[in-house]
N, C-alpha and C. Protein backbone atom coordinates (compact mmCIF):
# COMPACT_ATOMS: atom_id res chain seq x y z
N MET A 1 101.46 85.44 130.10
CA MET A 1 101.47 86.59 129.18
C MET A 1 101.55 87.87 129.98
N SER A 2 102.37 88.81 129.52
CA SER A 2 102.49 90.09 130.21
C SER A 2 102.36 91.22 129.21
N ARG A 3 101.97 92.39 129.72
CA ARG A 3 101.86 93.58 128.88
C ARG A 3 103.24 94.19 128.72
N VAL A 4 103.48 94.82 127.58
CA VAL A 4 104.78 95.43 127.31
C VAL A 4 104.59 96.86 126.85
N ILE A 5 105.64 97.66 127.04
CA ILE A 5 105.65 99.04 126.56
C ILE A 5 106.18 99.03 125.13
N ARG A 6 105.56 99.80 124.25
CA ARG A 6 105.95 99.81 122.84
C ARG A 6 107.38 100.29 122.66
N ARG A 7 108.18 99.46 122.02
CA ARG A 7 109.54 99.85 121.64
C ARG A 7 109.85 99.20 120.31
N GLY A 8 109.81 99.97 119.26
CA GLY A 8 110.10 99.43 117.94
C GLY A 8 108.96 98.57 117.42
N PRO A 9 109.16 97.98 116.25
CA PRO A 9 108.10 97.16 115.64
C PRO A 9 107.90 95.86 116.40
N PRO A 10 106.68 95.33 116.41
CA PRO A 10 106.41 94.07 117.10
C PRO A 10 106.96 92.89 116.31
N ASP A 11 107.11 91.75 116.98
CA ASP A 11 107.54 90.53 116.29
C ASP A 11 106.41 89.96 115.44
N ALA A 12 105.18 90.24 115.85
CA ALA A 12 104.03 89.75 115.08
C ALA A 12 102.83 90.64 115.36
N ARG A 13 101.94 90.71 114.39
CA ARG A 13 100.69 91.44 114.56
C ARG A 13 99.53 90.46 114.36
N LYS A 14 98.58 90.49 115.28
CA LYS A 14 97.43 89.59 115.21
C LYS A 14 96.15 90.39 115.36
N LYS A 15 95.13 89.93 114.66
CA LYS A 15 93.84 90.62 114.67
C LYS A 15 92.79 89.78 115.37
N LEU A 16 92.13 90.39 116.33
CA LEU A 16 91.07 89.75 117.10
C LEU A 16 89.78 90.53 116.90
N VAL A 17 88.70 89.83 116.58
CA VAL A 17 87.39 90.46 116.43
C VAL A 17 86.45 89.88 117.47
N ILE A 18 85.68 90.75 118.11
CA ILE A 18 84.69 90.29 119.09
C ILE A 18 83.29 90.59 118.57
N VAL A 19 82.39 89.60 118.68
CA VAL A 19 81.01 89.77 118.26
C VAL A 19 80.09 89.30 119.39
N GLY A 20 78.85 89.75 119.34
CA GLY A 20 77.87 89.38 120.36
C GLY A 20 76.78 90.43 120.43
N ASP A 21 75.76 90.15 121.21
CA ASP A 21 74.63 91.07 121.33
C ASP A 21 75.08 92.45 121.82
N GLY A 22 74.32 93.47 121.44
CA GLY A 22 74.57 94.82 121.94
C GLY A 22 74.43 94.86 123.45
N SER A 23 75.30 95.60 124.11
CA SER A 23 75.33 95.82 125.56
C SER A 23 75.65 94.56 126.37
N CYS A 24 76.24 93.55 125.72
CA CYS A 24 76.60 92.35 126.49
C CYS A 24 77.96 92.50 127.18
N GLY A 25 78.68 93.59 126.88
CA GLY A 25 79.94 93.84 127.58
C GLY A 25 81.18 93.74 126.71
N LYS A 26 81.02 93.69 125.40
CA LYS A 26 82.16 93.54 124.50
C LYS A 26 83.14 94.71 124.61
N THR A 27 82.59 95.92 124.52
CA THR A 27 83.44 97.11 124.52
C THR A 27 84.19 97.25 125.84
N CYS A 28 83.52 97.01 126.94
CA CYS A 28 84.17 97.09 128.26
C CYS A 28 85.35 96.14 128.34
N LEU A 29 85.17 94.94 127.81
CA LEU A 29 86.25 93.96 127.84
C LEU A 29 87.48 94.46 127.10
N LEU A 30 87.29 95.00 125.90
CA LEU A 30 88.42 95.49 125.11
C LEU A 30 89.07 96.71 125.75
N ILE A 31 88.25 97.60 126.30
CA ILE A 31 88.80 98.82 126.91
C ILE A 31 89.58 98.50 128.17
N ILE A 32 89.05 97.64 129.02
CA ILE A 32 89.74 97.33 130.28
C ILE A 32 91.06 96.62 130.00
N PHE A 33 91.09 95.81 128.95
CA PHE A 33 92.34 95.11 128.64
C PHE A 33 93.36 96.04 128.00
N SER A 34 92.92 96.91 127.09
CA SER A 34 93.85 97.76 126.35
C SER A 34 94.27 99.02 127.11
N THR A 35 93.40 99.52 128.01
CA THR A 35 93.72 100.76 128.72
C THR A 35 93.78 100.61 130.24
N ASN A 36 93.28 99.49 130.75
CA ASN A 36 93.23 99.24 132.19
C ASN A 36 92.28 100.18 132.92
N VAL A 37 91.34 100.76 132.18
CA VAL A 37 90.34 101.66 132.77
C VAL A 37 88.95 101.12 132.46
N PHE A 38 88.12 100.97 133.49
CA PHE A 38 86.77 100.46 133.28
C PHE A 38 85.83 101.61 132.93
N PRO A 39 85.18 101.56 131.76
CA PRO A 39 84.26 102.64 131.36
C PRO A 39 82.94 102.53 132.12
N GLU A 40 82.63 103.55 132.88
CA GLU A 40 81.41 103.51 133.69
C GLU A 40 80.15 103.79 132.87
N LYS A 41 80.32 104.50 131.76
CA LYS A 41 79.16 104.90 130.95
C LYS A 41 79.06 104.03 129.71
N TYR A 42 77.85 103.56 129.41
CA TYR A 42 77.64 102.73 128.22
C TYR A 42 77.49 103.61 126.98
N ILE A 43 78.34 103.33 126.00
CA ILE A 43 78.26 104.03 124.71
C ILE A 43 78.14 102.98 123.62
N PRO A 44 77.01 102.94 122.92
CA PRO A 44 76.83 101.93 121.86
C PRO A 44 77.93 102.03 120.81
N THR A 45 78.43 100.89 120.41
CA THR A 45 79.53 100.83 119.45
C THR A 45 79.01 100.70 118.02
N VAL A 46 79.65 101.39 117.10
CA VAL A 46 79.45 101.10 115.68
C VAL A 46 80.62 100.21 115.27
N PHE A 47 81.81 100.79 115.14
CA PHE A 47 83.03 100.01 114.96
C PHE A 47 84.15 100.77 115.64
N GLU A 48 84.89 100.08 116.50
CA GLU A 48 86.02 100.69 117.18
C GLU A 48 87.21 99.73 117.14
N ASN A 49 88.40 100.28 117.10
CA ASN A 49 89.61 99.47 117.14
C ASN A 49 90.46 99.89 118.33
N TYR A 50 91.07 98.92 118.97
CA TYR A 50 91.98 99.17 120.08
C TYR A 50 93.26 98.38 119.82
N ILE A 51 94.35 98.85 120.39
CA ILE A 51 95.64 98.17 120.24
C ILE A 51 96.17 97.81 121.62
N ALA A 52 96.65 96.59 121.75
CA ALA A 52 97.28 96.16 123.00
C ALA A 52 98.56 95.41 122.65
N ASP A 53 99.65 95.76 123.32
CA ASP A 53 100.92 95.06 123.13
C ASP A 53 101.10 94.05 124.25
N VAL A 54 101.37 92.82 123.89
CA VAL A 54 101.56 91.77 124.89
C VAL A 54 102.83 91.00 124.58
N GLU A 55 103.36 90.37 125.60
CA GLU A 55 104.51 89.49 125.41
C GLU A 55 104.02 88.06 125.46
N TYR A 56 104.38 87.29 124.45
CA TYR A 56 103.96 85.89 124.40
C TYR A 56 105.12 85.04 123.88
N ASP A 57 105.50 84.05 124.67
CA ASP A 57 106.57 83.13 124.29
C ASP A 57 107.85 83.89 123.93
N GLY A 58 108.12 84.94 124.71
CA GLY A 58 109.34 85.71 124.49
C GLY A 58 109.28 86.69 123.34
N LYS A 59 108.12 86.82 122.72
CA LYS A 59 107.96 87.72 121.58
C LYS A 59 106.97 88.84 121.90
N ARG A 60 107.19 89.98 121.25
CA ARG A 60 106.25 91.09 121.42
C ARG A 60 105.19 91.00 120.34
N ILE A 61 103.94 90.88 120.77
CA ILE A 61 102.82 90.73 119.86
C ILE A 61 101.93 91.96 119.95
N GLU A 62 101.60 92.52 118.79
CA GLU A 62 100.64 93.63 118.74
C GLU A 62 99.26 93.07 118.42
N LEU A 63 98.36 93.20 119.37
CA LEU A 63 96.99 92.73 119.18
C LEU A 63 96.11 93.88 118.70
N ALA A 64 95.54 93.73 117.52
CA ALA A 64 94.55 94.68 117.04
C ALA A 64 93.18 94.15 117.45
N LEU A 65 92.52 94.88 118.33
CA LEU A 65 91.24 94.44 118.89
C LEU A 65 90.10 95.17 118.18
N TRP A 66 89.30 94.44 117.45
CA TRP A 66 88.21 95.02 116.66
C TRP A 66 86.88 94.80 117.37
N ASP A 67 86.27 95.91 117.77
CA ASP A 67 84.95 95.88 118.39
C ASP A 67 83.89 95.99 117.30
N THR A 68 82.76 95.35 117.49
CA THR A 68 81.69 95.41 116.48
C THR A 68 80.35 95.72 117.14
N ALA A 69 79.44 96.24 116.35
CA ALA A 69 78.10 96.55 116.85
C ALA A 69 77.23 95.30 116.79
N GLY A 70 76.49 95.06 117.87
CA GLY A 70 75.64 93.88 117.91
C GLY A 70 74.25 94.10 117.35
N GLN A 71 73.88 95.35 117.16
CA GLN A 71 72.53 95.66 116.69
C GLN A 71 72.33 95.20 115.25
N GLU A 72 71.11 94.78 114.94
CA GLU A 72 70.80 94.28 113.59
C GLU A 72 70.98 95.36 112.52
N ASP A 73 70.89 96.63 112.91
CA ASP A 73 71.07 97.72 111.95
C ASP A 73 72.42 97.65 111.25
N TYR A 74 73.39 96.99 111.89
CA TYR A 74 74.75 96.96 111.35
C TYR A 74 75.12 95.60 110.76
N ASP A 75 74.12 94.76 110.51
CA ASP A 75 74.39 93.42 109.99
C ASP A 75 75.14 93.45 108.66
N ARG A 76 74.87 94.46 107.83
CA ARG A 76 75.54 94.53 106.53
C ARG A 76 76.94 95.10 106.61
N LEU A 77 77.20 95.89 107.64
CA LEU A 77 78.52 96.49 107.79
C LEU A 77 79.49 95.60 108.56
N ARG A 78 78.97 94.81 109.49
CA ARG A 78 79.82 94.02 110.37
C ARG A 78 80.79 93.11 109.61
N PRO A 79 80.36 92.44 108.54
CA PRO A 79 81.29 91.55 107.83
C PRO A 79 82.54 92.24 107.29
N LEU A 80 82.52 93.57 107.19
CA LEU A 80 83.71 94.29 106.75
C LEU A 80 84.84 94.17 107.77
N SER A 81 84.51 93.77 109.00
CA SER A 81 85.52 93.62 110.04
C SER A 81 86.26 92.30 109.97
N TYR A 82 85.72 91.33 109.24
CA TYR A 82 86.22 89.97 109.33
C TYR A 82 87.49 89.63 108.54
N PRO A 83 87.76 90.24 107.39
CA PRO A 83 88.95 89.85 106.63
C PRO A 83 90.24 89.94 107.45
N GLU A 84 91.11 88.95 107.25
CA GLU A 84 92.43 88.89 107.89
C GLU A 84 92.35 88.70 109.41
N THR A 85 91.23 88.20 109.90
CA THR A 85 91.09 87.95 111.33
C THR A 85 91.83 86.67 111.72
N ASP A 86 92.49 86.69 112.87
CA ASP A 86 93.22 85.52 113.35
C ASP A 86 92.45 84.72 114.39
N VAL A 87 91.60 85.38 115.15
CA VAL A 87 90.79 84.69 116.16
C VAL A 87 89.55 85.53 116.44
N ILE A 88 88.45 84.86 116.73
CA ILE A 88 87.19 85.55 117.00
C ILE A 88 86.69 85.19 118.39
N LEU A 89 86.29 86.20 119.14
CA LEU A 89 85.61 86.00 120.41
C LEU A 89 84.11 86.17 120.18
N ILE A 90 83.34 85.15 120.49
CA ILE A 90 81.88 85.26 120.47
C ILE A 90 81.46 85.46 121.92
N ALA A 91 80.82 86.59 122.20
CA ALA A 91 80.55 86.96 123.58
C ALA A 91 79.06 86.96 123.90
N PHE A 92 78.77 86.67 125.17
CA PHE A 92 77.42 86.83 125.71
C PHE A 92 77.57 87.26 127.15
N SER A 93 76.47 87.70 127.75
CA SER A 93 76.49 88.13 129.14
C SER A 93 75.77 87.11 130.01
N VAL A 94 76.38 86.74 131.13
CA VAL A 94 75.77 85.72 131.99
C VAL A 94 74.47 86.19 132.63
N ASP A 95 74.22 87.50 132.62
CA ASP A 95 72.95 87.99 133.17
C ASP A 95 71.86 88.08 132.11
N SER A 96 72.15 87.55 130.91
CA SER A 96 71.18 87.59 129.81
C SER A 96 71.11 86.24 129.10
N PRO A 97 70.21 85.36 129.51
CA PRO A 97 70.04 84.08 128.82
C PRO A 97 69.77 84.25 127.33
N LEU A 98 69.11 85.35 126.95
CA LEU A 98 68.84 85.60 125.54
C LEU A 98 70.13 85.79 124.75
N SER A 99 71.10 86.44 125.35
CA SER A 99 72.37 86.66 124.65
C SER A 99 73.10 85.34 124.41
N LEU A 100 72.90 84.37 125.31
CA LEU A 100 73.47 83.04 125.08
C LEU A 100 72.73 82.33 123.96
N LYS A 101 71.41 82.44 123.96
CA LYS A 101 70.61 81.82 122.89
C LYS A 101 71.02 82.38 121.53
N ASN A 102 71.29 83.69 121.49
CA ASN A 102 71.67 84.32 120.23
C ASN A 102 73.05 83.89 119.74
N VAL A 103 73.87 83.37 120.64
CA VAL A 103 75.15 82.81 120.20
C VAL A 103 74.90 81.72 119.17
N LYS A 104 73.96 80.85 119.48
CA LYS A 104 73.65 79.73 118.57
C LYS A 104 72.79 80.17 117.39
N ASP A 105 71.82 81.04 117.66
CA ASP A 105 70.86 81.40 116.61
C ASP A 105 71.38 82.45 115.64
N ARG A 106 72.30 83.30 116.11
CA ARG A 106 72.72 84.44 115.28
C ARG A 106 74.23 84.53 115.04
N TRP A 107 75.00 84.50 116.12
CA TRP A 107 76.42 84.80 115.98
C TRP A 107 77.23 83.64 115.41
N TYR A 108 76.94 82.44 115.85
CA TYR A 108 77.66 81.30 115.28
C TYR A 108 77.39 81.15 113.78
N PRO A 109 76.13 81.24 113.34
CA PRO A 109 75.89 81.16 111.89
C PRO A 109 76.61 82.25 111.10
N GLU A 110 76.63 83.48 111.64
CA GLU A 110 77.30 84.56 110.92
C GLU A 110 78.80 84.33 110.83
N VAL A 111 79.39 83.98 111.96
CA VAL A 111 80.84 83.74 111.98
C VAL A 111 81.21 82.55 111.10
N SER A 112 80.40 81.51 111.13
CA SER A 112 80.68 80.33 110.30
C SER A 112 80.62 80.68 108.82
N HIS A 113 79.69 81.56 108.46
CA HIS A 113 79.52 81.93 107.06
C HIS A 113 80.69 82.76 106.54
N PHE A 114 81.10 83.75 107.32
CA PHE A 114 82.13 84.66 106.86
C PHE A 114 83.55 84.25 107.25
N CYS A 115 83.68 83.44 108.30
CA CYS A 115 85.01 83.11 108.84
C CYS A 115 85.09 81.62 109.17
N GLY A 116 84.75 80.79 108.22
CA GLY A 116 84.62 79.37 108.48
C GLY A 116 85.83 78.70 109.11
N ASP A 117 87.05 79.11 108.73
CA ASP A 117 88.24 78.44 109.23
C ASP A 117 88.95 79.20 110.35
N ILE A 118 88.33 80.26 110.84
CA ILE A 118 88.94 81.06 111.90
C ILE A 118 88.55 80.49 113.27
N PRO A 119 89.53 80.21 114.15
CA PRO A 119 89.20 79.66 115.47
C PRO A 119 88.42 80.65 116.32
N THR A 120 87.52 80.13 117.14
CA THR A 120 86.69 80.98 118.00
C THR A 120 86.82 80.57 119.46
N ILE A 121 86.63 81.55 120.32
CA ILE A 121 86.52 81.32 121.76
C ILE A 121 85.18 81.89 122.19
N LEU A 122 84.40 81.12 122.91
CA LEU A 122 83.15 81.62 123.48
C LEU A 122 83.46 82.21 124.84
N VAL A 123 83.00 83.45 125.07
CA VAL A 123 83.34 84.16 126.31
C VAL A 123 82.07 84.61 127.02
N GLY A 124 81.91 84.17 128.26
CA GLY A 124 80.83 84.64 129.11
C GLY A 124 81.27 85.87 129.87
N LEU A 125 80.58 87.00 129.68
CA LEU A 125 80.96 88.27 130.29
C LEU A 125 80.07 88.61 131.48
N LYS A 126 80.51 89.60 132.24
CA LYS A 126 79.77 90.11 133.40
C LYS A 126 79.52 89.03 134.46
N THR A 127 80.53 88.23 134.74
CA THR A 127 80.35 87.17 135.73
C THR A 127 80.11 87.72 137.14
N ASP A 128 80.46 88.98 137.36
CA ASP A 128 80.19 89.59 138.67
C ASP A 128 78.70 89.73 138.94
N LEU A 129 77.87 89.61 137.89
CA LEU A 129 76.42 89.74 138.06
C LEU A 129 75.71 88.40 138.23
N ARG A 130 76.46 87.31 138.18
CA ARG A 130 75.82 85.99 138.24
C ARG A 130 75.06 85.79 139.56
N PHE A 131 75.61 86.30 140.63
CA PHE A 131 74.97 86.13 141.93
C PHE A 131 74.45 87.45 142.49
N ASP A 132 74.30 88.44 141.62
CA ASP A 132 73.75 89.73 142.03
C ASP A 132 72.26 89.58 142.32
N ALA A 133 71.84 90.01 143.51
CA ALA A 133 70.45 89.81 143.94
C ALA A 133 69.45 90.49 143.01
N GLU A 134 69.75 91.71 142.59
CA GLU A 134 68.82 92.44 141.72
C GLU A 134 68.68 91.74 140.37
N VAL A 135 69.79 91.30 139.82
CA VAL A 135 69.76 90.58 138.54
C VAL A 135 68.99 89.28 138.67
N THR A 136 69.27 88.55 139.74
CA THR A 136 68.60 87.27 139.97
C THR A 136 67.09 87.46 140.11
N ASN A 137 66.70 88.47 140.85
CA ASN A 137 65.26 88.74 141.05
C ASN A 137 64.58 89.17 139.75
N ASP A 138 65.25 90.02 138.98
CA ASP A 138 64.68 90.48 137.71
C ASP A 138 64.47 89.32 136.75
N LEU A 139 65.44 88.43 136.67
CA LEU A 139 65.31 87.28 135.78
C LEU A 139 64.23 86.31 136.27
N ALA A 140 64.13 86.18 137.60
CA ALA A 140 63.14 85.26 138.17
C ALA A 140 61.72 85.68 137.81
N MET A 141 61.50 86.97 137.62
CA MET A 141 60.17 87.46 137.23
C MET A 141 59.74 86.90 135.88
N PHE A 142 60.72 86.51 135.06
CA PHE A 142 60.43 85.95 133.74
C PHE A 142 60.73 84.45 133.68
N GLY A 143 60.88 83.85 134.86
CA GLY A 143 61.15 82.42 134.93
C GLY A 143 62.53 82.04 134.44
N GLN A 144 63.48 82.97 134.57
CA GLN A 144 64.84 82.72 134.09
C GLN A 144 65.85 82.84 135.22
N ARG A 145 67.05 82.36 134.95
CA ARG A 145 68.16 82.48 135.90
C ARG A 145 69.42 82.88 135.14
N PRO A 146 70.41 83.43 135.84
CA PRO A 146 71.67 83.74 135.16
C PRO A 146 72.27 82.48 134.53
N VAL A 147 73.01 82.68 133.47
CA VAL A 147 73.64 81.56 132.76
C VAL A 147 74.72 80.94 133.64
N THR A 148 74.72 79.62 133.75
CA THR A 148 75.73 78.92 134.54
C THR A 148 76.96 78.62 133.69
N TYR A 149 78.04 78.28 134.38
CA TYR A 149 79.27 77.90 133.67
C TYR A 149 79.03 76.68 132.79
N ASP A 150 78.31 75.71 133.32
CA ASP A 150 78.04 74.49 132.56
C ASP A 150 77.24 74.78 131.28
N GLN A 151 76.30 75.73 131.36
CA GLN A 151 75.52 76.09 130.17
C GLN A 151 76.42 76.74 129.11
N GLY A 152 77.32 77.59 129.57
CA GLY A 152 78.26 78.21 128.63
C GLY A 152 79.17 77.19 127.99
N GLU A 153 79.65 76.27 128.79
CA GLU A 153 80.55 75.22 128.27
C GLU A 153 79.82 74.34 127.26
N ALA A 154 78.56 74.03 127.56
CA ALA A 154 77.76 73.21 126.63
C ALA A 154 77.56 73.93 125.30
N MET A 155 77.33 75.24 125.37
CA MET A 155 77.16 76.02 124.14
C MET A 155 78.45 76.04 123.33
N ALA A 156 79.58 76.15 124.02
CA ALA A 156 80.87 76.14 123.32
C ALA A 156 81.06 74.85 122.53
N ARG A 157 80.64 73.75 123.12
CA ARG A 157 80.74 72.47 122.41
C ARG A 157 79.80 72.44 121.20
N GLN A 158 78.60 73.00 121.36
CA GLN A 158 77.63 73.01 120.26
C GLN A 158 78.14 73.79 119.05
N ILE A 159 78.84 74.88 119.30
CA ILE A 159 79.29 75.72 118.19
C ILE A 159 80.74 75.44 117.79
N ASN A 160 81.30 74.37 118.37
CA ASN A 160 82.67 73.97 118.03
C ASN A 160 83.71 75.04 118.34
N ALA A 161 83.47 75.80 119.41
CA ALA A 161 84.47 76.78 119.84
C ALA A 161 85.69 76.04 120.38
N LYS A 162 86.85 76.62 120.21
CA LYS A 162 88.08 76.01 120.70
C LYS A 162 88.14 75.99 122.22
N LYS A 163 87.42 76.94 122.83
CA LYS A 163 87.52 77.09 124.27
C LYS A 163 86.32 77.86 124.80
N TYR A 164 85.95 77.60 126.06
CA TYR A 164 84.96 78.44 126.74
C TYR A 164 85.64 79.10 127.92
N MET A 165 85.46 80.42 128.04
CA MET A 165 86.07 81.16 129.13
C MET A 165 85.07 82.17 129.68
N GLU A 166 85.31 82.60 130.90
CA GLU A 166 84.46 83.60 131.54
C GLU A 166 85.32 84.69 132.15
N CYS A 167 84.75 85.89 132.26
CA CYS A 167 85.48 86.97 132.91
C CYS A 167 84.54 88.08 133.34
N SER A 168 85.07 88.96 134.17
CA SER A 168 84.35 90.16 134.58
C SER A 168 85.24 91.36 134.31
N SER A 169 84.80 92.25 133.44
CA SER A 169 85.57 93.45 133.16
C SER A 169 85.61 94.37 134.38
N LYS A 170 84.55 94.34 135.17
CA LYS A 170 84.47 95.23 136.33
C LYS A 170 85.48 94.85 137.41
N THR A 171 85.64 93.55 137.66
CA THR A 171 86.59 93.10 138.68
C THR A 171 87.93 92.69 138.07
N ARG A 172 87.97 92.59 136.74
CA ARG A 172 89.15 92.14 135.97
C ARG A 172 89.41 90.65 136.10
N GLN A 173 88.61 89.95 136.87
CA GLN A 173 88.83 88.52 137.04
C GLN A 173 88.68 87.79 135.70
N GLY A 174 89.72 87.10 135.29
CA GLY A 174 89.68 86.30 134.08
C GLY A 174 89.96 87.06 132.79
N VAL A 175 90.08 88.38 132.85
CA VAL A 175 90.26 89.18 131.62
C VAL A 175 91.57 88.82 130.92
N ASP A 176 92.67 88.84 131.66
CA ASP A 176 93.96 88.53 131.04
C ASP A 176 93.99 87.11 130.50
N ASP A 177 93.32 86.19 131.20
CA ASP A 177 93.29 84.80 130.75
C ASP A 177 92.63 84.67 129.38
N VAL A 178 91.58 85.46 129.15
CA VAL A 178 90.88 85.42 127.86
C VAL A 178 91.83 85.81 126.73
N PHE A 179 92.58 86.89 126.93
CA PHE A 179 93.45 87.38 125.86
C PHE A 179 94.72 86.55 125.73
N GLU A 180 95.14 85.93 126.81
CA GLU A 180 96.27 85.00 126.70
C GLU A 180 95.88 83.81 125.83
N ALA A 181 94.68 83.27 126.07
CA ALA A 181 94.19 82.15 125.26
C ALA A 181 93.99 82.56 123.81
N ALA A 182 93.47 83.78 123.61
CA ALA A 182 93.24 84.27 122.25
C ALA A 182 94.56 84.47 121.50
N THR A 183 95.56 85.01 122.19
CA THR A 183 96.87 85.21 121.57
C THR A 183 97.50 83.88 121.19
N LYS A 184 97.43 82.92 122.10
CA LYS A 184 97.98 81.59 121.83
C LYS A 184 97.30 80.96 120.61
N LEU A 185 95.98 81.10 120.55
CA LEU A 185 95.22 80.54 119.44
C LEU A 185 95.56 81.25 118.13
N ALA A 186 95.70 82.57 118.19
CA ALA A 186 96.04 83.34 117.00
C ALA A 186 97.42 82.98 116.47
N MET A 187 98.37 82.79 117.38
CA MET A 187 99.72 82.44 116.96
C MET A 187 99.77 81.05 116.35
N SER A 188 99.08 80.10 116.96
CA SER A 188 99.09 78.73 116.44
C SER A 188 98.32 78.66 115.12
N ASN A 189 97.27 79.47 114.99
CA ASN A 189 96.52 79.50 113.74
C ASN A 189 97.35 80.08 112.61
N GLY A 190 98.21 81.04 112.95
CA GLY A 190 99.10 81.61 111.94
C GLY A 190 100.06 80.57 111.39
N LEU A 191 100.58 79.71 112.27
CA LEU A 191 101.47 78.64 111.83
C LEU A 191 100.72 77.64 110.96
N HIS A 192 99.46 77.36 111.35
CA HIS A 192 98.64 76.43 110.58
C HIS A 192 98.39 76.97 109.17
N ARG A 193 98.09 78.28 109.08
CA ARG A 193 97.87 78.89 107.77
C ARG A 193 99.13 78.83 106.92
N LEU A 194 100.29 79.08 107.56
CA LEU A 194 101.56 79.05 106.83
C LEU A 194 101.83 77.66 106.28
N ARG A 195 101.58 76.64 107.09
CA ARG A 195 101.79 75.26 106.64
C ARG A 195 100.87 74.93 105.47
N LYS A 196 99.61 75.41 105.54
CA LYS A 196 98.67 75.16 104.44
C LYS A 196 99.16 75.80 103.15
N LYS A 197 99.69 77.03 103.25
CA LYS A 197 100.20 77.72 102.06
C LYS A 197 101.39 76.97 101.49
N MET A 198 102.28 76.47 102.37
CA MET A 198 103.45 75.73 101.92
C MET A 198 103.03 74.45 101.20
N CYS A 199 102.00 73.79 101.75
CA CYS A 199 101.51 72.55 101.13
C CYS A 199 100.95 72.84 99.73
N VAL A 200 100.25 73.96 99.61
CA VAL A 200 99.68 74.32 98.30
C VAL A 200 100.79 74.60 97.30
N LEU A 201 101.84 75.31 97.75
CA LEU A 201 102.95 75.63 96.87
C LEU A 201 103.69 74.38 96.43
N LEU A 202 103.83 73.43 97.36
CA LEU A 202 104.52 72.19 97.03
C LEU A 202 103.67 71.32 96.11
């Protein structure tokens, strides 16, 4: 998958929504992918939209990237983001075992309720902090350790995610891979929806 410069209307438009705990790195992921600039300052999100044009299978795809607030204060507003979604990223941070726990306890139930048939990808963020000495020491004080790849993969199986992926917005490692997988899933899900509609009509 490669990025493209906007010229005329896209061949397809797809909507991606990302959910997860506040400050787990959702906004940074969307900004670094859509603008190629890493935001150094943390700004809590209410609702933000970003646009990224990508080339996939010889076609120009416009990705609408919907950021959401992870704080409980916005639980009633967040579902307004879900209609017409093609793929959902459920995110957690590898330096926060609690954010992984909340994937199962909070985010998977919410996504299942509002978007039962929408494919999901579980994404582990901030992988650059997995072996950070300060992070490791801080977690050790509470008898915890950074989330491992195997733990993330196991959670993906528990919540029936289509895929488990990891990335670091700070180093950009794995970022493009996440959106390539999401685009592929969104495109294939669109064909699946079309076939279902055709079956209903027939």
